[in-house]
Amino acid sequence: QVQLVESGGGLVQAGDSLRLSCAASGFTFSIDHMGWFRQAPGKEREFVAAITWNGGSTYYAESVQGRFTISRDNAKNAVYLQMNSLKPEDTAVYSCNLEDVLGGDYWGKGTLVTVSS
């Protein structure tokens, strides 16, 4: 059974930084890519960033481009999200996503990031 466990959320002030981590386990097929999504109160879930497992190509939402950096550790089956210059509008539950090479789609439970002004 695939498990994705996020950590690193918390309460910070605007302008601060946070680093989220997501560790994956229990998957059978190779990872194609992993990423982060977020859902703010009263809003739909939105894409934040993604990284391919082979090659490490990265993709970002326009709203976080230049402030957030996604990275991976293939040996640890982990993905990270370094978030700098945080804004109150970044407040959300951040969830880790994994898609394997056969299209299997898996989600973590999420970690809350709260940015105060």
PDB file of N, CA and C in Angstrom:
ATOM      1  N   GLN A   1       0.846  -1.185   0.000  1.00  0.00           N
ATOM      2  CA  GLN A   1       0.000   0.000   0.000  1.00  0.00           C
ATOM      3  C   GLN A   1       0.885   1.239   0.000  1.00  0.00           C
ATOM      4  N   VAL A   2       0.614   2.127  -0.949  1.00  0.00           N
ATOM      5  CA  VAL A   2       1.426   3.343  -1.060  1.00  0.00           C
ATOM      6  C   VAL A   2       1.112   4.284   0.093  1.00  0.00           C
ATOM      7  N   GLN A   3       2.145   4.791   0.704  1.00  0.00           N
ATOM      8  CA  GLN A   3       1.990   5.798   1.759  1.00  0.00           C
ATOM      9  C   GLN A   3       2.847   6.997   1.436  1.00  0.00           C
ATOM     10  N   LEU A   4       2.248   8.161   1.578  1.00  0.00           N
ATOM     11  CA  LEU A   4       2.957   9.431   1.423  1.00  0.00           C
ATOM     12  C   LEU A   4       2.794  10.192   2.733  1.00  0.00           C
ATOM     13  N   VAL A   5       3.895  10.530   3.353  1.00  0.00           N
ATOM     14  CA  VAL A   5       3.855  11.204   4.642  1.00  0.00           C
ATOM     15  C   VAL A   5       4.540  12.552   4.524  1.00  0.00           C
ATOM     16  N   GLU A   6       3.742  13.604   4.714  1.00  0.00           N
ATOM     17  CA  GLU A   6       4.276  14.970   4.637  1.00  0.00           C
ATOM     18  C   GLU A   6       4.673  15.458   6.025  1.00  0.00           C
ATOM     19  N   SER A   7       5.606  16.394   6.039  1.00  0.00           N
ATOM     20  CA  SER A   7       6.004  17.044   7.284  1.00  0.00           C
ATOM     21  C   SER A   7       6.573  18.416   6.957  1.00  0.00           C
ATOM     22  N   GLY A   8       6.672  19.244   7.989  1.00  0.00           N
ATOM     23  CA  GLY A   8       7.321  20.534   7.813  1.00  0.00           C
ATOM     24  C   GLY A   8       6.402  21.738   7.821  1.00  0.00           C
ATOM     25  N   GLY A   9       5.100  21.511   7.877  1.00  0.00           N
ATOM     26  CA  GLY A   9       4.190  22.647   7.922  1.00  0.00           C
ATOM     27  C   GLY A   9       4.249  23.353   9.257  1.00  0.00           C
ATOM     28  N   GLY A  10       3.602  24.506   9.312  1.00  0.00           N
ATOM     29  CA  GLY A  10       3.587  25.255  10.564  1.00  0.00           C
ATOM     30  C   GLY A  10       3.077  26.654  10.373  1.00  0.00           C
ATOM     31  N   LEU A  11       3.218  27.445  11.422  1.00  0.00           N
ATOM     32  CA  LEU A  11       2.787  28.839  11.422  1.00  0.00           C
ATOM     33  C   LEU A  11       4.025  29.734  11.314  1.00  0.00           C
ATOM     34  N   VAL A  12       4.034  30.576  10.293  1.00  0.00           N
ATOM     35  CA  VAL A  12       5.153  31.490  10.084  1.00  0.00           C
ATOM     36  C   VAL A  12       4.603  32.873   9.749  1.00  0.00           C
ATOM     37  N   GLN A  13       5.509  33.845   9.757  1.00  0.00           N
ATOM     38  CA  GLN A  13       5.120  35.196   9.378  1.00  0.00           C
ATOM     39  C   GLN A  13       5.439  35.439   7.903  1.00  0.00           C
ATOM     40  N   ALA A  14       4.760  36.412   7.344  1.00  0.00           N
ATOM     41  CA  ALA A  14       5.017  36.778   5.955  1.00  0.00           C
ATOM     42  C   ALA A  14       6.504  37.100   5.770  1.00  0.00           C
ATOM     43  N   GLY A  15       7.071  36.576   4.695  1.00  0.00           N
ATOM     44  CA  GLY A  15       8.483  36.770   4.418  1.00  0.00           C
ATOM     45  C   GLY A  15       9.376  35.645   4.904  1.00  0.00           C
ATOM     46  N   ASP A  16       8.848  34.810   5.765  1.00  0.00           N
ATOM     47  CA  ASP A  16       9.620  33.685   6.296  1.00  0.00           C
ATOM     48  C   ASP A  16       9.713  32.551   5.278  1.00  0.00           C
ATOM     49  N   SER A  17      10.456  31.519   5.674  1.00  0.00           N
ATOM     50  CA  SER A  17      10.637  30.340   4.826  1.00  0.00           C
ATOM     51  C   SER A  17      10.204  29.076   5.571  1.00  0.00           C
ATOM     52  N   LEU A  18       9.826  28.081   4.796  1.00  0.00           N
ATOM     53  CA  LEU A  18       9.516  26.753   5.331  1.00  0.00           C
ATOM     54  C   LEU A  18       9.971  25.718   4.321  1.00  0.00           C
ATOM     55  N   ARG A  19      10.289  24.533   4.807  1.00  0.00           N
ATOM     56  CA  ARG A  19      10.651  23.433   3.913  1.00  0.00           C
ATOM     57  C   ARG A  19       9.744  22.246   4.220  1.00  0.00           C
ATOM     58  N   LEU A  20       8.984  21.848   3.226  1.00  0.00           N
ATOM     59  CA  LEU A  20       8.122  20.687   3.365  1.00  0.00           C
ATOM     60  C   LEU A  20       8.837  19.448   2.846  1.00  0.00           C
ATOM     61  N   SER A  21       8.548  18.327   3.475  1.00  0.00           N
ATOM     62  CA  SER A  21       9.112  17.048   3.049  1.00  0.00           C
ATOM     63  C   SER A  21       7.995  16.043   2.837  1.00  0.00           C
ATOM     64  N   CYS A  22       8.225  15.122   1.920  1.00  0.00           N
ATOM     65  CA  CYS A  22       7.257  14.048   1.676  1.00  0.00           C
ATOM     66  C   CYS A  22       8.048  12.776   1.399  1.00  0.00           C
ATOM     67  N   ALA A  23       7.785  11.763   2.191  1.00  0.00           N
ATOM     68  CA  ALA A  23       8.446  10.474   2.028  1.00  0.00           C
ATOM     69  C   ALA A  23       7.443   9.450   1.512  1.00  0.00           C
ATOM     70  N   ALA A  24       7.823   8.751   0.463  1.00  0.00           N
ATOM     71  CA  ALA A  24       6.950   7.755  -0.157  1.00  0.00           C
ATOM     72  C   ALA A  24       7.430   6.346   0.159  1.00  0.00           C
ATOM     73  N   SER A  25       6.481   5.455   0.376  1.00  0.00           N
ATOM     74  CA  SER A  25       6.815   4.056   0.627  1.00  0.00           C
ATOM     75  C   SER A  25       5.682   3.167   0.152  1.00  0.00           C
ATOM     76  N   GLY A  26       5.992   1.892  -0.003  1.00  0.00           N
ATOM     77  CA  GLY A  26       4.959   0.911  -0.315  1.00  0.00           C
ATOM     78  C   GLY A  26       4.515   0.839  -1.754  1.00  0.00           C
ATOM     79  N   PHE A  27       5.182   1.553  -2.666  1.00  0.00           N
ATOM     80  CA  PHE A  27       4.751   1.506  -4.055  1.00  0.00           C
ATOM     81  C   PHE A  27       5.454   0.377  -4.786  1.00  0.00           C
ATOM     82  N   THR A  28       4.770  -0.145  -5.794  1.00  0.00           N
ATOM     83  CA  THR A  28       5.274  -1.298  -6.521  1.00  0.00           C
ATOM     84  C   THR A  28       6.001  -0.894  -7.797  1.00  0.00           C
ATOM     85  N   PHE A  29       5.438   0.083  -8.498  1.00  0.00           N
ATOM     86  CA  PHE A  29       5.983   0.486  -9.788  1.00  0.00           C
ATOM     87  C   PHE A  29       6.826   1.750  -9.626  1.00  0.00           C
ATOM     88  N   SER A  30       7.665   1.974 -10.587  1.00  0.00           N
ATOM     89  CA  SER A  30       8.577   3.119 -10.524  1.00  0.00           C
ATOM     90  C   SER A  30       7.809   4.436 -10.526  1.00  0.00           C
ATOM     91  N   ILE A  31       8.397   5.409  -9.877  1.00  0.00           N
ATOM     92  CA  ILE A  31       7.801   6.740  -9.818  1.00  0.00           C
ATOM     93  C   ILE A  31       8.024   7.454 -11.142  1.00  0.00           C
ATOM     94  N   ASP A  32       6.981   8.065 -11.643  1.00  0.00           N
ATOM     95  CA  ASP A  32       7.128   8.906 -12.836  1.00  0.00           C
ATOM     96  C   ASP A  32       7.396  10.349 -12.427  1.00  0.00           C
ATOM     97  N   HIS A  33       6.590  10.855 -11.531  1.00  0.00           N
ATOM     98  CA  HIS A  33       6.828  12.188 -11.007  1.00  0.00           C
ATOM     99  C   HIS A  33       6.148  12.347  -9.655  1.00  0.00           C
ATOM    100  N   MET A  34       6.588  13.310  -8.912  1.00  0.00           N
ATOM    101  CA  MET A  34       5.973  13.682  -7.642  1.00  0.00           C
ATOM    102  C   MET A  34       5.761  15.184  -7.630  1.00  0.00           C
ATOM    103  N   GLY A  35       4.825  15.593  -6.810  1.00  0.00           N
ATOM    104  CA  GLY A  35       4.549  17.026  -6.778  1.00  0.00           C
ATOM    105  C   GLY A  35       3.809  17.441  -5.528  1.00  0.00           C
ATOM    106  N   TRP A  36       3.531  18.734  -5.487  1.00  0.00           N
ATOM    107  CA  TRP A  36       2.793  19.332  -4.379  1.00  0.00           C
ATOM    108  C   TRP A  36       1.581  20.077  -4.915  1.00  0.00           C
ATOM    109  N   PHE A  37       0.484  19.926  -4.196  1.00  0.00           N
ATOM    110  CA  PHE A  37      -0.735  20.677  -4.437  1.00  0.00           C
ATOM    111  C   PHE A  37      -1.120  21.350  -3.132  1.00  0.00           C
ATOM    112  N   ARG A  38      -1.980  22.336  -3.208  1.00  0.00           N
ATOM    113  CA  ARG A  38      -2.454  22.981  -1.986  1.00  0.00           C
ATOM    114  C   ARG A  38      -3.917  23.333  -2.105  1.00  0.00           C
ATOM    115  N   GLN A  39      -4.554  23.400  -0.938  1.00  0.00           N
ATOM    116  CA  GLN A  39      -5.957  23.785  -0.887  1.00  0.00           C
ATOM    117  C   GLN A  39      -6.155  24.766   0.251  1.00  0.00           C
ATOM    118  N   ALA A  40      -6.523  25.974  -0.121  1.00  0.00           N
ATOM    119  CA  ALA A  40      -6.798  27.008   0.860  1.00  0.00           C
ATOM    120  C   ALA A  40      -8.250  26.905   1.323  1.00  0.00           C
ATOM    121  N   PRO A  41      -8.567  27.443   2.484  1.00  0.00           N
ATOM    122  CA  PRO A  41      -9.947  27.367   2.982  1.00  0.00           C
ATOM    123  C   PRO A  41     -10.933  27.954   1.978  1.00  0.00           C
ATOM    124  N   GLY A  42     -11.956  27.188   1.654  1.00  0.00           N
ATOM    125  CA  GLY A  42     -12.988  27.665   0.756  1.00  0.00           C
ATOM    126  C   GLY A  42     -12.632  27.663  -0.712  1.00  0.00           C
ATOM    127  N   LYS A  43     -11.459  27.121  -1.040  1.00  0.00           N
ATOM    128  CA  LYS A  43     -11.021  27.110  -2.439  1.00  0.00           C
ATOM    129  C   LYS A  43     -10.751  25.693  -2.913  1.00  0.00           C
ATOM    130  N   GLU A  44     -10.649  25.542  -4.217  1.00  0.00           N
ATOM    131  CA  GLU A  44     -10.345  24.240  -4.789  1.00  0.00           C
ATOM    132  C   GLU A  44      -8.845  23.954  -4.676  1.00  0.00           C
ATOM    133  N   ARG A  45      -8.520  22.689  -4.726  1.00  0.00           N
ATOM    134  CA  ARG A  45      -7.114  22.303  -4.694  1.00  0.00           C
ATOM    135  C   ARG A  45      -6.435  22.796  -5.967  1.00  0.00           C
ATOM    136  N   GLU A  46      -5.199  23.286  -5.811  1.00  0.00           N
ATOM    137  CA  GLU A  46      -4.476  23.799  -6.972  1.00  0.00           C
ATOM    138  C   GLU A  46      -3.060  23.242  -7.010  1.00  0.00           C
ATOM    139  N   PHE A  47      -2.540  23.150  -8.209  1.00  0.00           N
ATOM    140  CA  PHE A  47      -1.181  22.681  -8.439  1.00  0.00           C
ATOM    141  C   PHE A  47      -0.182  23.713  -7.922  1.00  0.00           C
ATOM    142  N   VAL A  48       0.902  23.210  -7.305  1.00  0.00           N
ATOM    143  CA  VAL A  48       1.966  24.094  -6.836  1.00  0.00           C
ATOM    144  C   VAL A  48       3.258  23.841  -7.606  1.00  0.00           C
ATOM    145  N   ALA A  49       3.721  22.587  -7.583  1.00  0.00           N
ATOM    146  CA  ALA A  49       4.993  22.270  -8.222  1.00  0.00           C
ATOM    147  C   ALA A  49       5.087  20.771  -8.445  1.00  0.00           C
ATOM    148  N   ALA A  50       5.907  20.366  -9.426  1.00  0.00           N
ATOM    149  CA  ALA A  50       6.115  18.960  -9.698  1.00  0.00           C
ATOM    150  C   ALA A  50       7.528  18.744 -10.212  1.00  0.00           C
ATOM    151  N   ILE A  51       8.006  17.498 -10.056  1.00  0.00           N
ATOM    152  CA  ILE A  51       9.345  17.154 -10.505  1.00  0.00           C
ATOM    153  C   ILE A  51       9.321  15.738 -11.073  1.00  0.00           C
ATOM    154  N   THR A  52       9.950  15.547 -12.216  1.00  0.00           N
ATOM    155  CA  THR A  52      10.026  14.209 -12.796  1.00  0.00           C
ATOM    156  C   THR A  52      11.121  13.409 -12.097  1.00  0.00           C
ATOM    157  N   TRP A  53      10.880  12.116 -12.000  1.00  0.00           N
ATOM    158  CA  TRP A  53      11.836  11.278 -11.257  1.00  0.00           C
ATOM    159  C   TRP A  53      13.102  11.010 -12.056  1.00  0.00           C
ATOM    160  N   ASN A  54      12.989  10.824 -13.338  1.00  0.00           N
ATOM    161  CA  ASN A  54      14.154  10.683 -14.200  1.00  0.00           C
ATOM    162  C   ASN A  54      14.416  12.016 -14.869  1.00  0.00           C
ATOM    163  N   GLY A  55      15.525  12.586 -14.597  1.00  0.00           N
ATOM    164  CA  GLY A  55      15.867  13.853 -15.230  1.00  0.00           C
ATOM    165  C   GLY A  55      15.649  15.059 -14.342  1.00  0.00           C
ATOM    166  N   GLY A  56      14.668  14.955 -13.449  1.00  0.00           N
ATOM    167  CA  GLY A  56      14.472  16.055 -12.510  1.00  0.00           C
ATOM    168  C   GLY A  56      13.921  17.342 -13.097  1.00  0.00           C
ATOM    169  N   SER A  57      13.172  17.237 -14.189  1.00  0.00           N
ATOM    170  CA  SER A  57      12.542  18.448 -14.723  1.00  0.00           C
ATOM    171  C   SER A  57      11.523  18.975 -13.719  1.00  0.00           C
ATOM    172  N   THR A  58      11.471  20.293 -13.594  1.00  0.00           N
ATOM    173  CA  THR A  58      10.575  20.895 -12.612  1.00  0.00           C
ATOM    174  C   THR A  58       9.525  21.779 -13.274  1.00  0.00           C
ATOM    175  N   TYR A  59       8.396  21.893 -12.598  1.00  0.00           N
ATOM    176  CA  TYR A  59       7.273  22.686 -13.091  1.00  0.00           C
ATOM    177  C   TYR A  59       6.662  23.405 -11.901  1.00  0.00           C
ATOM    178  N   TYR A  60       6.262  24.658 -12.121  1.00  0.00           N
ATOM    179  CA  TYR A  60       5.742  25.487 -11.041  1.00  0.00           C
ATOM    180  C   TYR A  60       4.494  26.233 -11.461  1.00  0.00           C
ATOM    181  N   ALA A  61       3.623  26.445 -10.496  1.00  0.00           N
ATOM    182  CA  ALA A  61       2.524  27.369 -10.710  1.00  0.00           C
ATOM    183  C   ALA A  61       3.095  28.781 -10.793  1.00  0.00           C
ATOM    184  N   GLU A  62       2.448  29.593 -11.570  1.00  0.00           N
ATOM    185  CA  GLU A  62       2.941  30.964 -11.752  1.00  0.00           C
ATOM    186  C   GLU A  62       2.996  31.704 -10.418  1.00  0.00           C
ATOM    187  N   SER A  63       2.077  31.390  -9.528  1.00  0.00           N
ATOM    188  CA  SER A  63       1.980  32.121  -8.264  1.00  0.00           C
ATOM    189  C   SER A  63       3.149  31.840  -7.325  1.00  0.00           C
ATOM    190  N   VAL A  64       3.903  30.762  -7.565  1.00  0.00           N
ATOM    191  CA  VAL A  64       5.015  30.433  -6.666  1.00  0.00           C
ATOM    192  C   VAL A  64       6.361  30.473  -7.384  1.00  0.00           C
ATOM    193  N   GLN A  65       6.329  30.669  -8.694  1.00  0.00           N
ATOM    194  CA  GLN A  65       7.562  30.702  -9.475  1.00  0.00           C
ATOM    195  C   GLN A  65       8.526  31.731  -8.898  1.00  0.00           C
ATOM    196  N   GLY A  66       9.761  31.306  -8.687  1.00  0.00           N
ATOM    197  CA  GLY A  66      10.771  32.214  -8.156  1.00  0.00           C
ATOM    198  C   GLY A  66      10.833  32.262  -6.640  1.00  0.00           C
ATOM    199  N   ARG A  67       9.823  31.748  -5.970  1.00  0.00           N
ATOM    200  CA  ARG A  67       9.816  31.729  -4.496  1.00  0.00           C
ATOM    201  C   ARG A  67       9.931  30.309  -3.945  1.00  0.00           C
ATOM    202  N   PHE A  68       9.359  29.351  -4.637  1.00  0.00           N
ATOM    203  CA  PHE A  68       9.370  27.962  -4.190  1.00  0.00           C
ATOM    204  C   PHE A  68      10.313  27.136  -5.065  1.00  0.00           C
ATOM    205  N   THR A  69      10.941  26.148  -4.449  1.00  0.00           N
ATOM    206  CA  THR A  69      11.817  25.235  -5.185  1.00  0.00           C
ATOM    207  C   THR A  69      11.488  23.801  -4.798  1.00  0.00           C
ATOM    208  N   ILE A  70      11.219  22.977  -5.797  1.00  0.00           N
ATOM    209  CA  ILE A  70      10.960  21.564  -5.549  1.00  0.00           C
ATOM    210  C   ILE A  70      12.225  20.776  -5.858  1.00  0.00           C
ATOM    211  N   SER A  71      12.494  19.763  -5.036  1.00  0.00           N
ATOM    212  CA  SER A  71      13.655  18.909  -5.260  1.00  0.00           C
ATOM    213  C   SER A  71      13.299  17.487  -4.826  1.00  0.00           C
ATOM    214  N   ARG A  72      14.180  16.562  -5.180  1.00  0.00           N
ATOM    215  CA  ARG A  72      13.894  15.163  -4.860  1.00  0.00           C
ATOM    216  C   ARG A  72      15.154  14.461  -4.390  1.00  0.00           C
ATOM    217  N   ASP A  73      14.945  13.364  -3.697  1.00  0.00           N
ATOM    218  CA  ASP A  73      16.032  12.469  -3.317  1.00  0.00           C
ATOM    219  C   ASP A  73      15.592  11.077  -3.752  1.00  0.00           C
ATOM    220  N   ASN A  74      16.111  10.637  -4.872  1.00  0.00           N
ATOM    221  CA  ASN A  74      15.665   9.360  -5.431  1.00  0.00           C
ATOM    222  C   ASN A  74      15.950   8.201  -4.477  1.00  0.00           C
ATOM    223  N   ALA A  75      17.072   8.245  -3.794  1.00  0.00           N
ATOM    224  CA  ALA A  75      17.449   7.149  -2.906  1.00  0.00           C
ATOM    225  C   ALA A  75      16.486   7.015  -1.731  1.00  0.00           C
ATOM    226  N   LYS A  76      15.943   8.150  -1.302  1.00  0.00           N
ATOM    227  CA  LYS A  76      15.029   8.153  -0.157  1.00  0.00           C
ATOM    228  C   LYS A  76      13.571   8.155  -0.588  1.00  0.00           C
ATOM    229  N   ASN A  77      13.327   8.180  -1.905  1.00  0.00           N
ATOM    230  CA  ASN A  77      11.946   8.296  -2.411  1.00  0.00           C
ATOM    231  C   ASN A  77      11.239   9.464  -1.742  1.00  0.00           C
ATOM    232  N   ALA A  78      11.906  10.590  -1.733  1.00  0.00           N
ATOM    233  CA  ALA A  78      11.377  11.766  -1.053  1.00  0.00           C
ATOM    234  C   ALA A  78      11.382  12.974  -1.975  1.00  0.00           C
ATOM    235  N   VAL A  79      10.455  13.857  -1.718  1.00  0.00           N
ATOM    236  CA  VAL A  79      10.376  15.112  -2.451  1.00  0.00           C
ATOM    237  C   VAL A  79      10.251  16.234  -1.424  1.00  0.00           C
ATOM    238  N   TYR A  80      10.826  17.389  -1.772  1.00  0.00           N
ATOM    239  CA  TYR A  80      10.861  18.519  -0.856  1.00  0.00           C
ATOM    240  C   TYR A  80      10.321  19.761  -1.545  1.00  0.00           C
ATOM    241  N   LEU A  81       9.807  20.672  -0.742  1.00  0.00           N
ATOM    242  CA  LEU A  81       9.369  21.956  -1.271  1.00  0.00           C
ATOM    243  C   LEU A  81       9.930  23.043  -0.378  1.00  0.00           C
ATOM    244  N   GLN A  82      10.915  23.756  -0.881  1.00  0.00           N
ATOM    245  CA  GLN A  82      11.476  24.896  -0.173  1.00  0.00           C
ATOM    246  C   GLN A  82      10.643  26.119  -0.520  1.00  0.00           C
ATOM    247  N   MET A  83      10.060  26.722   0.487  1.00  0.00           N
ATOM    248  CA  MET A  83       9.163  27.863   0.264  1.00  0.00           C
ATOM    249  C   MET A  83       9.775  29.095   0.911  1.00  0.00           C
ATOM    250  N   ASN A  84      10.126  30.059   0.093  1.00  0.00           N
ATOM    251  CA  ASN A  84      10.713  31.312   0.572  1.00  0.00           C
ATOM    252  C   ASN A  84       9.758  32.470   0.332  1.00  0.00           C
ATOM    253  N   SER A  85      10.017  33.560   1.012  1.00  0.00           N
ATOM    254  CA  SER A  85       9.206  34.772   0.847  1.00  0.00           C
ATOM    255  C   SER A  85       7.715  34.456   0.918  1.00  0.00           C
ATOM    256  N   LEU A  86       7.339  33.729   1.940  1.00  0.00           N
ATOM    257  CA  LEU A  86       5.952  33.300   2.064  1.00  0.00           C
ATOM    258  C   LEU A  86       5.014  34.482   2.243  1.00  0.00           C
ATOM    259  N   LYS A  87       3.825  34.325   1.672  1.00  0.00           N
ATOM    260  CA  LYS A  87       2.795  35.357   1.727  1.00  0.00           C
ATOM    261  C   LYS A  87       1.556  34.794   2.415  1.00  0.00           C
ATOM    262  N   PRO A  88       0.713  35.639   2.968  1.00  0.00           N
ATOM    263  CA  PRO A  88      -0.521  35.137   3.588  1.00  0.00           C
ATOM    264  C   PRO A  88      -1.358  34.302   2.624  1.00  0.00           C
ATOM    265  N   GLU A  89      -1.319  34.628   1.340  1.00  0.00           N
ATOM    266  CA  GLU A  89      -2.102  33.865   0.372  1.00  0.00           C
ATOM    267  C   GLU A  89      -1.533  32.482   0.095  1.00  0.00           C
ATOM    268  N   ASP A  90      -0.375  32.176   0.660  1.00  0.00           N
ATOM    269  CA  ASP A  90       0.171  30.824   0.564  1.00  0.00           C
ATOM    270  C   ASP A  90      -0.415  29.902   1.626  1.00  0.00           C
ATOM    271  N   THR A  91      -1.190  30.456   2.535  1.00  0.00           N
ATOM    272  CA  THR A  91      -1.816  29.657   3.580  1.00  0.00           C
ATOM    273  C   THR A  91      -2.720  28.599   2.965  1.00  0.00           C
ATOM    274  N   ALA A  92      -2.475  27.332   3.329  1.00  0.00           N
ATOM    275  CA  ALA A  92      -3.232  26.229   2.748  1.00  0.00           C
ATOM    276  C   ALA A  92      -2.761  24.918   3.367  1.00  0.00           C
ATOM    277  N   VAL A  93      -3.507  23.863   3.084  1.00  0.00           N
ATOM    278  CA  VAL A  93      -3.034  22.507   3.355  1.00  0.00           C
ATOM    279  C   VAL A  93      -2.282  22.051   2.115  1.00  0.00           C
ATOM    280  N   TYR A  94      -1.021  21.687   2.312  1.00  0.00           N
ATOM    281  CA  TYR A  94      -0.171  21.259   1.211  1.00  0.00           C
ATOM    282  C   TYR A  94      -0.120  19.728   1.196  1.00  0.00           C
ATOM    283  N   SER A  95      -0.447  19.167   0.047  1.00  0.00           N
ATOM    284  CA  SER A  95      -0.488  17.710  -0.093  1.00  0.00           C
ATOM    285  C   SER A  95       0.520  17.245  -1.128  1.00  0.00           C
ATOM    286  N   CYS A  96       1.128  16.129  -0.821  1.00  0.00           N
ATOM    287  CA  CYS A  96       2.099  15.497  -1.700  1.00  0.00           C
ATOM    288  C   CYS A  96       1.375  14.540  -2.641  1.00  0.00           C
ATOM    289  N   ASN A  97       1.825  14.502  -3.871  1.00  0.00           N
ATOM    290  CA  ASN A  97       1.228  13.621  -4.881  1.00  0.00           C
ATOM    291  C   ASN A  97       2.308  12.801  -5.559  1.00  0.00           C
ATOM    292  N   LEU A  98       2.015  11.550  -5.808  1.00  0.00           N
ATOM    293  CA  LEU A  98       2.929  10.663  -6.536  1.00  0.00           C
ATOM    294  C   LEU A  98       2.169  10.008  -7.677  1.00  0.00           C
ATOM    295  N   GLU A  99       2.763  10.010  -8.853  1.00  0.00           N
ATOM    296  CA  GLU A  99       2.201   9.271  -9.973  1.00  0.00           C
ATOM    297  C   GLU A  99       3.264   8.295 -10.462  1.00  0.00           C
ATOM    298  N   ASP A 100       2.872   7.015 -10.559  1.00  0.00           N
ATOM    299  CA  ASP A 100       3.843   6.032 -11.015  1.00  0.00           C
ATOM    300  C   ASP A 100       3.784   5.880 -12.534  1.00  0.00           C
ATOM    301  N   VAL A 101       4.651   5.040 -13.065  1.00  0.00           N
ATOM    302  CA  VAL A 101       4.792   4.931 -14.518  1.00  0.00           C
ATOM    303  C   VAL A 101       3.578   4.294 -15.193  1.00  0.00           C
ATOM    304  N   LEU A 102       2.697   3.671 -14.401  1.00  0.00           N
ATOM    305  CA  LEU A 102       1.486   3.077 -14.963  1.00  0.00           C
ATOM    306  C   LEU A 102       0.271   3.970 -14.745  1.00  0.00           C
ATOM    307  N   GLY A 103       0.501   5.163 -14.250  1.00  0.00           N
ATOM    308  CA  GLY A 103      -0.587   6.102 -14.056  1.00  0.00           C
ATOM    309  C   GLY A 103      -1.260   6.050 -12.703  1.00  0.00           C
ATOM    310  N   GLY A 104      -0.735   5.213 -11.812  1.00  0.00           N
ATOM    311  CA  GLY A 104      -1.275   5.180 -10.462  1.00  0.00           C
ATOM    312  C   GLY A 104      -1.058   6.525  -9.785  1.00  0.00           C
ATOM    313  N   ASP A 105      -2.083   7.012  -9.095  1.00  0.00           N
ATOM    314  CA  ASP A 105      -2.089   8.366  -8.550  1.00  0.00           C
ATOM    315  C   ASP A 105      -2.340   8.279  -7.049  1.00  0.00           C
ATOM    316  N   TYR A 106      -1.402   8.825  -6.274  1.00  0.00           N
ATOM    317  CA  TYR A 106      -1.479   8.658  -4.827  1.00  0.00           C
ATOM    318  C   TYR A 106      -1.300  10.002  -4.130  1.00  0.00           C
ATOM    319  N   TRP A 107      -1.952  10.120  -2.949  1.00  0.00           N
ATOM    320  CA  TRP A 107      -1.941  11.392  -2.226  1.00  0.00           C
ATOM    321  C   TRP A 107      -1.616  11.189  -0.757  1.00  0.00           C
ATOM    322  N   GLY A 108      -0.910  12.161  -0.204  1.00  0.00           N
ATOM    323  CA  GLY A 108      -0.709  12.208   1.228  1.00  0.00           C
ATOM    324  C   GLY A 108      -1.878  12.908   1.888  1.00  0.00           C
ATOM    325  N   LYS A 109      -1.871  12.930   3.228  1.00  0.00           N
ATOM    326  CA  LYS A 109      -2.973  13.547   3.965  1.00  0.00           C
ATOM    327  C   LYS A 109      -2.831  15.056   4.056  1.00  0.00           C
ATOM    328  N   GLY A 110      -1.638  15.545   3.858  1.00  0.00           N
ATOM    329  CA  GLY A 110      -1.430  16.988   3.848  1.00  0.00           C
ATOM    330  C   GLY A 110      -0.822  17.526   5.122  1.00  0.00           C
ATOM    331  N   THR A 111      -0.212  18.692   4.987  1.00  0.00           N
ATOM    332  CA  THR A 111       0.352  19.405   6.122  1.00  0.00           C
ATOM    333  C   THR A 111      -0.048  20.870   6.006  1.00  0.00           C
ATOM    334  N   LEU A 112      -0.434  21.460   7.122  1.00  0.00           N
ATOM    335  CA  LEU A 112      -0.971  22.813   7.117  1.00  0.00           C
ATOM    336  C   LEU A 112       0.154  23.849   7.196  1.00  0.00           C
ATOM    337  N   VAL A 113       0.078  24.797   6.294  1.00  0.00           N
ATOM    338  CA  VAL A 113       0.982  25.952   6.308  1.00  0.00           C
ATOM    339  C   VAL A 113       0.129  27.200   6.523  1.00  0.00           C
ATOM    340  N   THR A 114       0.453  27.936   7.564  1.00  0.00           N
ATOM    341  CA  THR A 114      -0.266  29.163   7.868  1.00  0.00           C
ATOM    342  C   THR A 114       0.719  30.316   7.881  1.00  0.00           C
ATOM    343  N   VAL A 115       0.443  31.320   7.065  1.00  0.00           N
ATOM    344  CA  VAL A 115       1.323  32.484   6.974  1.00  0.00           C
ATOM    345  C   VAL A 115       0.561  33.700   7.487  1.00  0.00           C
ATOM    346  N   SER A 116       1.058  34.273   8.560  1.00  0.00           N
ATOM    347  CA  SER A 116       0.401  35.447   9.141  1.00  0.00           C
ATOM    348  C   SER A 116       0.997  36.731   8.561  1.00  0.00           C
ATOM    349  N   SER A 117       0.182  37.745   8.492  1.00  0.00           N
ATOM    350  CA  SER A 117       0.644  39.024   7.918  1.00  0.00           C
ATOM    351  C   SER A 117       1.258  39.926   8.969  1.00  0.00           C
TER     352      SER A 117
END
